[in-house]
């Protein structure tokens, strides 16, 4: 079932730069959190892959970078061996509540690593069994 809230829109900018996907993200909440609360929720988020300590799961899923020019592909794409997400440039928006830039590794977090992590999760949940 699709979540009705928070309202999020984003644009992924894919240019031939190494292995990163950069996303410009805009988000609106029913009850707007403070910037500090939003950063806290992002960096302390822990999903089922972290709780199960799956081999490919990043220990910290999201890092927040304070610098005005981050995240950058060359500096941040390999966070948590390429399986983590880097977020920065969080600021208030005039239409949505906030906007920020997100960065992920397009093969390690995306296609290849994402598929491996999904298989690890399915195995841990008993959907995939050894024959």
C-alpha atoms as a PDB file:
ATOM      1  CA  UNK A   1       0.000   0.000   0.000  1.00  0.00           C
ATOM      2  CA  UNK A   2       1.305   3.426  -0.924  1.00  0.00           C
ATOM      3  CA  UNK A   3       1.882   5.912   1.865  1.00  0.00           C
ATOM      4  CA  UNK A   4      -0.222   9.062   1.660  1.00  0.00           C
ATOM      5  CA  UNK A   5       2.252  11.116   3.691  1.00  0.00           C
ATOM      6  CA  UNK A   6       4.742  12.688   3.799  1.00  0.00           C
ATOM      7  CA  UNK A   7       4.457  14.174   0.331  1.00  0.00           C
ATOM      8  CA  UNK A   8       7.790  13.793  -1.472  1.00  0.00           C
ATOM      9  CA  UNK A   9       8.897  14.742  -4.955  1.00  0.00           C
ATOM     10  CA  UNK A  10      12.387  14.401  -6.344  1.00  0.00           C
ATOM     11  CA  UNK A  11      14.476  14.587  -9.472  1.00  0.00           C
ATOM     12  CA  UNK A  12      17.416  12.266 -10.077  1.00  0.00           C
ATOM     13  CA  UNK A  13      20.154  13.870 -12.120  1.00  0.00           C
ATOM     14  CA  UNK A  14      22.130  11.202 -13.958  1.00  0.00           C
ATOM     15  CA  UNK A  15      25.176  12.502 -15.729  1.00  0.00           C
ATOM     16  CA  UNK A  16      28.317  10.556 -16.640  1.00  0.00           C
ATOM     17  CA  UNK A  17      30.090  11.113 -13.323  1.00  0.00           C
ATOM     18  CA  UNK A  18      31.653   7.998 -11.888  1.00  0.00           C
ATOM     19  CA  UNK A  19      29.083   5.885 -10.023  1.00  0.00           C
ATOM     20  CA  UNK A  20      26.699   8.277  -8.337  1.00  0.00           C
ATOM     21  CA  UNK A  21      23.050   9.188  -8.603  1.00  0.00           C
ATOM     22  CA  UNK A  22      22.304  12.654  -7.275  1.00  0.00           C
ATOM     23  CA  UNK A  23      18.704  13.479  -6.339  1.00  0.00           C
ATOM     24  CA  UNK A  24      17.138  16.865  -5.676  1.00  0.00           C
ATOM     25  CA  UNK A  25      14.428  16.032  -3.124  1.00  0.00           C
ATOM     26  CA  UNK A  26      11.473  18.133  -1.931  1.00  0.00           C
ATOM     27  CA  UNK A  27       9.322  17.000   1.006  1.00  0.00           C
ATOM     28  CA  UNK A  28       6.163  18.229   2.755  1.00  0.00           C
ATOM     29  CA  UNK A  29       4.916  16.891   6.089  1.00  0.00           C
ATOM     30  CA  UNK A  30       1.519  16.973   7.769  1.00  0.00           C
ATOM     31  CA  UNK A  31       3.282  18.389  10.852  1.00  0.00           C
ATOM     32  CA  UNK A  32       6.506  20.125   9.846  1.00  0.00           C
ATOM     33  CA  UNK A  33       9.490  18.987  11.919  1.00  0.00           C
ATOM     34  CA  UNK A  34      12.370  21.281  12.751  1.00  0.00           C
ATOM     35  CA  UNK A  35      15.485  20.950  10.646  1.00  0.00           C
ATOM     36  CA  UNK A  36      17.261  19.379  13.608  1.00  0.00           C
ATOM     37  CA  UNK A  37      14.463  16.803  14.096  1.00  0.00           C
ATOM     38  CA  UNK A  38      14.542  15.876  10.413  1.00  0.00           C
ATOM     39  CA  UNK A  39      18.321  15.398  10.427  1.00  0.00           C
ATOM     40  CA  UNK A  40      18.078  13.349  13.627  1.00  0.00           C
ATOM     41  CA  UNK A  41      15.437  11.044  12.106  1.00  0.00           C
ATOM     42  CA  UNK A  42      17.487  10.539   8.950  1.00  0.00           C
ATOM     43  CA  UNK A  43      20.810   9.728  10.602  1.00  0.00           C
ATOM     44  CA  UNK A  44      19.232   7.522  13.266  1.00  0.00           C
ATOM     45  CA  UNK A  45      16.986   5.593  10.876  1.00  0.00           C
ATOM     46  CA  UNK A  46      17.484   1.865  11.138  1.00  0.00           C
ATOM     47  CA  UNK A  47      15.565  -0.508   8.910  1.00  0.00           C
ATOM     48  CA  UNK A  48      15.115  -4.251   8.948  1.00  0.00           C
ATOM     49  CA  UNK A  49      18.432  -4.891   7.123  1.00  0.00           C
ATOM     50  CA  UNK A  50      20.265  -3.060   9.940  1.00  0.00           C
ATOM     51  CA  UNK A  51      18.265  -4.770  12.687  1.00  0.00           C
ATOM     52  CA  UNK A  52      19.053  -8.185  11.153  1.00  0.00           C
ATOM     53  CA  UNK A  53      22.711  -7.171  10.603  1.00  0.00           C
ATOM     54  CA  UNK A  54      22.605  -8.471   7.042  1.00  0.00           C
ATOM     55  CA  UNK A  55      26.074  -8.834   5.462  1.00  0.00           C
ATOM     56  CA  UNK A  56      25.516  -6.172   2.768  1.00  0.00           C
ATOM     57  CA  UNK A  57      23.509  -3.764   4.921  1.00  0.00           C
ATOM     58  CA  UNK A  58      25.210  -0.508   5.858  1.00  0.00           C
ATOM     59  CA  UNK A  59      25.527  -0.072   9.611  1.00  0.00           C
ATOM     60  CA  UNK A  60      24.417   3.559   9.195  1.00  0.00           C
ATOM     61  CA  UNK A  61      21.987   3.873   6.291  1.00  0.00           C
ATOM     62  CA  UNK A  62      21.994   7.692   5.962  1.00  0.00           C
ATOM     63  CA  UNK A  63      24.671  10.243   6.794  1.00  0.00           C
ATOM     64  CA  UNK A  64      24.013  13.980   6.892  1.00  0.00           C
ATOM     65  CA  UNK A  65      26.778  16.293   5.695  1.00  0.00           C
ATOM     66  CA  UNK A  66      26.831  19.846   7.075  1.00  0.00           C
ATOM     67  CA  UNK A  67      29.043  21.432   4.386  1.00  0.00           C
ATOM     68  CA  UNK A  68      27.260  23.680   1.849  1.00  0.00           C
ATOM     69  CA  UNK A  69      28.750  21.827  -1.123  1.00  0.00           C
ATOM     70  CA  UNK A  70      28.033  18.236  -0.039  1.00  0.00           C
ATOM     71  CA  UNK A  71      27.265  15.537  -0.901  1.00  0.00           C
ATOM     72  CA  UNK A  72      29.667  15.204  -3.829  1.00  0.00           C
ATOM     73  CA  UNK A  73      30.153  12.070  -5.882  1.00  0.00           C
ATOM     74  CA  UNK A  74      33.947  11.930  -5.614  1.00  0.00           C
ATOM     75  CA  UNK A  75      33.918  12.475  -1.831  1.00  0.00           C
ATOM     76  CA  UNK A  76      30.782  10.714  -0.629  1.00  0.00           C
ATOM     77  CA  UNK A  77      29.623   7.960  -2.991  1.00  0.00           C
ATOM     78  CA  UNK A  78      31.522   5.192  -1.157  1.00  0.00           C
ATOM     79  CA  UNK A  79      29.934   5.870   2.260  1.00  0.00           C
ATOM     80  CA  UNK A  80      29.360   2.519   4.006  1.00  0.00           C
ATOM     81  CA  UNK A  81      31.116   0.677   1.146  1.00  0.00           C
ATOM     82  CA  UNK A  82      28.739   2.277  -1.365  1.00  0.00           C
ATOM     83  CA  UNK A  83      25.615   0.972   0.389  1.00  0.00           C
ATOM     84  CA  UNK A  84      24.861   4.109   2.417  1.00  0.00           C
ATOM     85  CA  UNK A  85      23.063   7.284   1.391  1.00  0.00           C
ATOM     86  CA  UNK A  86      24.591  10.752   1.776  1.00  0.00           C
ATOM     87  CA  UNK A  87      22.305  13.738   2.343  1.00  0.00           C
ATOM     88  CA  UNK A  88      23.141  17.418   2.550  1.00  0.00           C
ATOM     89  CA  UNK A  89      22.107  20.977   1.724  1.00  0.00           C
ATOM     90  CA  UNK A  90      18.887  20.658   3.737  1.00  0.00           C
ATOM     91  CA  UNK A  91      17.002  23.930   3.691  1.00  0.00           C
ATOM     92  CA  UNK A  92      13.456  25.223   3.927  1.00  0.00           C
ATOM     93  CA  UNK A  93      11.426  25.487   0.724  1.00  0.00           C
ATOM     94  CA  UNK A  94       8.702  27.958  -0.263  1.00  0.00           C
ATOM     95  CA  UNK A  95       6.331  25.307  -1.715  1.00  0.00           C
ATOM     96  CA  UNK A  96       7.294  22.175   0.220  1.00  0.00           C
ATOM     97  CA  UNK A  97       8.600  22.172   3.785  1.00  0.00           C
ATOM     98  CA  UNK A  98      12.196  21.225   2.965  1.00  0.00           C
ATOM     99  CA  UNK A  99      14.526  20.429   0.092  1.00  0.00           C
ATOM    100  CA  UNK A 100      17.817  18.562   0.123  1.00  0.00           C
ATOM    101  CA  UNK A 101      20.320  16.742  -2.067  1.00  0.00           C
ATOM    102  CA  UNK A 102      20.746  12.987  -1.789  1.00  0.00           C
ATOM    103  CA  UNK A 103      23.499  10.796  -3.220  1.00  0.00           C
ATOM    104  CA  UNK A 104      23.665   7.045  -3.709  1.00  0.00           C
ATOM    105  CA  UNK A 105      26.032   4.689  -5.493  1.00  0.00           C
ATOM    106  CA  UNK A 106      24.204   3.570  -8.619  1.00  0.00           C
ATOM    107  CA  UNK A 107      25.707   0.068  -8.828  1.00  0.00           C
ATOM    108  CA  UNK A 108      26.670  -0.795  -5.247  1.00  0.00           C
ATOM    109  CA  UNK A 109      23.491   0.585  -3.610  1.00  0.00           C
ATOM    110  CA  UNK A 110      21.477   0.422  -6.794  1.00  0.00           C
ATOM    111  CA  UNK A 111      21.474  -2.478  -9.214  1.00  0.00           C
ATOM    112  CA  UNK A 112      24.027  -4.990  -7.918  1.00  0.00           C
ATOM    113  CA  UNK A 113      24.187  -4.275  -4.185  1.00  0.00           C
ATOM    114  CA  UNK A 114      20.477  -3.615  -3.916  1.00  0.00           C
ATOM    115  CA  UNK A 115      19.727  -7.012  -5.475  1.00  0.00           C
ATOM    116  CA  UNK A 116      22.157  -8.771  -3.120  1.00  0.00           C
ATOM    117  CA  UNK A 117      20.661  -7.003  -0.091  1.00  0.00           C
ATOM    118  CA  UNK A 118      17.143  -7.991  -1.211  1.00  0.00           C
ATOM    119  CA  UNK A 119      18.265 -11.625  -1.536  1.00  0.00           C
ATOM    120  CA  UNK A 120      19.836 -11.493   1.935  1.00  0.00           C
ATOM    121  CA  UNK A 121      16.609 -10.111   3.395  1.00  0.00           C
ATOM    122  CA  UNK A 122      14.447 -12.702   1.618  1.00  0.00           C
ATOM    123  CA  UNK A 123      16.748 -15.443   2.903  1.00  0.00           C
ATOM    124  CA  UNK A 124      16.655 -14.070   6.461  1.00  0.00           C
ATOM    125  CA  UNK A 125      12.847 -13.987   6.298  1.00  0.00           C
ATOM    126  CA  UNK A 126      12.671 -17.583   5.051  1.00  0.00           C
ATOM    127  CA  UNK A 127      11.481 -16.878   1.489  1.00  0.00           C
ATOM    128  CA  UNK A 128      14.700 -18.265  -0.032  1.00  0.00           C
ATOM    129  CA  UNK A 129      15.907 -21.584   1.284  1.00  0.00           C
ATOM    130  CA  UNK A 130      18.898 -23.803   0.484  1.00  0.00           C
ATOM    131  CA  UNK A 131      18.074 -26.901  -1.539  1.00  0.00           C
END
